[in-house]
Amino acid sequence: NEILAEIKLVRLEDNVPKIAASLRKEEIGTTDEADQQYLAMASLNPSSSFIIEIFPEGVRKWKAVRAILDENKTLSGFLVTEISMAESDRIIAENLTRAYYFLLIILVAILLLLIRQARLIDYSKLYNRLQEVDKMKDDFISMAAHELRTPLTAIKGYADLVSEVKGLSERDKDNLAIIKISADRLNSLVADILDVSRLSQGRLVFNFQAVDPSDIIKKTIDSLKVEADSRGLEMKYERKALPKISIDPIRFEQALVNLVGNAIKYTPKGKIEVLTEEAKGKLYIRIADTGLGISAEEQRRLFEKFYRIQTKETQEIIGTGLGLWITKELIEKMGGMIMVESIKGMGAHFIISFSVKT
């Protein structure tokens, strides 16, 4: 059966899982190393089933584990069922391909109609329609990003739960670590997409307060120090009392995390230093690094949405090209300014400035 890839009944004998029945007769009476993991999952919540998605040899499969209880409601074994999704995935892929071609034909037909009727179009109405479409796009992105957060939370939660199970092999631990890292990375991307959507629509709310930003700077440095230490980088910041500026503390910290995080990513060796200075009624915060540096040509596009510096040194660095665009938008919407000073190969200085609160 191409769909039902595996089904086996595992019974507990002196708390040791042994295969009592299986499609593979040679397995009967033996103990599978993976069954120890399924036993741990079934023991955590005997009244529930667990579904695990696996990708052996690139084929998506669902493996379901169902606990079996005796008359005393005690776990006596479990049923393992493995279902191959290869056929359904093939059908879905074929339908998606047909849908793409159909959509392409529709788009070409619409384009030809628009070209033919161009002289009759009321351009003001067209502009309004485009605005509506753009809003629908932003609303869809926002909705999709919100919907992605729920399964991401579940994935990370289950990974944390399984990581607490005793007796995991090193391979299992490595796989769980990869799941957590990927979930965090995707969660960060979702957060960026949400911020882009809100900023583009002017729906991001700012809670302005007059604050001394030194605490926020120190908190940011402390939160990223572990990452810097793991790369052998020195982090420097001499904390001192600073004049108050009018900012949203949460959004200000988000911008700082983006800038210091970028400095860490693009600095192979050396140090990152945060310097502060008050001059002519303004507070300047400088994030300086000894990293790869940015050419004059690259600086002209640095704050564009989705722009990433493409060089041999940066091709392995993960990113979406949204961080600096979001940072610039946040700083400017809080009444500040951001600029960059850099020479290729000699590091970069990002300077943000705010008017001092009097």
Foldseek 3Di string as FASTA:
>chain_A
DQFFPWKWWWFADVNATATCDIPPVVRHRHGDPCVLLLVLVCVVPQCDKDWDWDQVVNWTKIKIKHFDADPVRHTGTIMITITTCRVVVVVVVVVVVVVVVVVVVVVVVVVVVCVVCVVVDDVVVVVVVVVVVVLVVLVVLLVVLVVVVVVLVVQLVVLVVSCPDPPDDPVSVVVSVVSNVVSVVVNVVSVLSNLVSCLVVVNDDADKDWDFCLVLLVVLCVVCVVVLVVLVEAEEEDGDTDFTFIGRSVLVSLLSNLVLVVLSLFANYYYWYWDWDDDDQKIKIKIWHQGQWDDPVCQVCLLPAQDDDDDPSCPPRDDRSRSSVSSQSRLVVSVKHWHKDTDGNGTIMIMIMGGGDD
